[in-house]
Each structure stands twice: as structure tokens, then as C-alpha cells.
Protein backbone atom coordinates (compact mmCIF):
# COMPACT_ATOMS: atom_id res chain seq x y z
CA UNK A 1 119.74 81.78 112.45
CA UNK A 2 122.27 78.84 112.90
CA UNK A 3 126.14 79.68 113.09
CA UNK A 4 127.79 77.79 110.77
CA UNK A 5 130.54 74.85 112.10
CA UNK A 6 133.92 75.87 113.49
CA UNK A 7 135.63 73.89 110.74
CA UNK A 8 133.78 76.33 108.13
CA UNK A 9 134.69 79.40 110.08
CA UNK A 10 138.31 78.10 110.02
CA UNK A 11 138.41 78.14 106.30
CA UNK A 12 137.38 82.00 105.69
CA UNK A 13 140.35 84.42 104.88
CA UNK A 14 141.51 86.97 107.31
CA UNK A 15 139.77 90.09 107.27
CA UNK A 16 141.15 93.08 105.34
CA UNK A 17 140.08 96.29 106.91
CA UNK A 18 143.25 98.45 105.24
CA UNK A 19 142.50 97.98 101.61
CA UNK A 20 139.08 95.67 101.16
CA UNK A 21 138.25 94.01 97.82
CA UNK A 22 135.01 96.53 96.63
CA UNK A 23 132.85 95.63 93.64
CA UNK A 24 133.36 99.28 92.26
CA UNK A 25 130.32 101.21 91.38
CA UNK A 26 128.14 98.33 90.70
CA UNK A 27 125.45 99.01 93.38
CA UNK A 28 125.43 102.85 91.90
CA UNK A 29 124.69 101.22 88.33
CA UNK A 30 121.89 98.79 89.50
CA UNK A 31 120.31 101.49 91.55
CA UNK A 32 120.46 104.09 88.48
CA UNK A 33 118.87 101.37 85.98
CA UNK A 34 115.92 100.53 88.57
CA UNK A 35 115.17 104.15 89.35
CA UNK A 36 114.76 105.01 85.84
CA UNK A 37 112.26 101.66 85.25
CA UNK A 38 110.27 103.16 88.48
CA UNK A 39 109.90 106.58 86.78
CA UNK A 40 109.18 105.25 83.24
CA UNK A 41 106.43 103.01 84.67
CA UNK A 42 105.18 105.94 86.74
CA UNK A 43 104.97 108.19 83.92
CA UNK A 44 103.27 105.46 81.70
CA UNK A 45 100.88 105.06 84.45
CA UNK A 46 99.95 109.03 84.68
CA UNK A 47 100.18 109.42 80.65
CA UNK A 48 97.65 106.39 80.75
CA UNK A 49 95.57 107.84 83.49
CA UNK A 50 95.46 111.65 82.34
CA UNK A 51 95.54 111.17 78.45
CA UNK A 52 93.68 107.92 78.08
CA UNK A 53 91.23 107.57 80.63
CA UNK A 54 90.82 111.20 81.47
CA UNK A 55 91.00 110.35 85.37
CA UNK A 56 93.24 111.20 88.26
CA UNK A 57 92.37 109.50 91.40
CA UNK A 58 94.04 109.94 94.97
CA UNK A 59 96.04 106.56 94.29
CA UNK A 60 97.65 108.66 91.37
CA UNK A 61 98.42 111.44 93.97
CA UNK A 62 99.90 109.20 96.50
CA UNK A 63 102.18 107.78 93.93
CA UNK A 64 103.24 111.18 92.90
CA UNK A 65 104.09 112.21 96.89
CA UNK A 66 105.86 108.80 96.97
CA UNK A 67 108.07 109.37 94.06
CA UNK A 68 108.91 112.93 95.02
CA UNK A 69 109.68 112.05 98.61
CA UNK A 70 111.50 109.03 97.41
CA UNK A 71 113.74 111.20 95.40
CA UNK A 72 115.00 113.35 97.95
């Protein structure tokens, strides 16, 4: 990784460690949206595998295990 030139670094504002600017709860909202989408996708796969195909394989078990371990 290359460092930026000194003239670019000199234009940066001074860091504000006392009262930093934040983006609010945007990260939390984005994470919740993606978690909901993942759970819907996994439930759709389980529905298709259990009720339509009538087969639940080892890969589905690994997906369920990953979902449970990621939720903790």
C-alpha cells in the first residue's frame, strides 16, 4: 500500500477525539437487514429441501450449524 503524498495529508482536518462524528445506527440497520435476508434465504432452502424434495442432506445440516453458531 502506498502512502498518500504530504500535500494530501496536510489537507486532512485535525482529528476530533473528544466528540467524533458518527454515522448513528446505520451499521446496525444494515446488519439487521442482511441478517433477515440470510435467515429468509436459509428458511426457503430448508422448506424446498424438506417439503418439496423430501430430502435433508449433510450440507443442510452444516448450514443450520453455521446459522446457529453465527447467531451466538
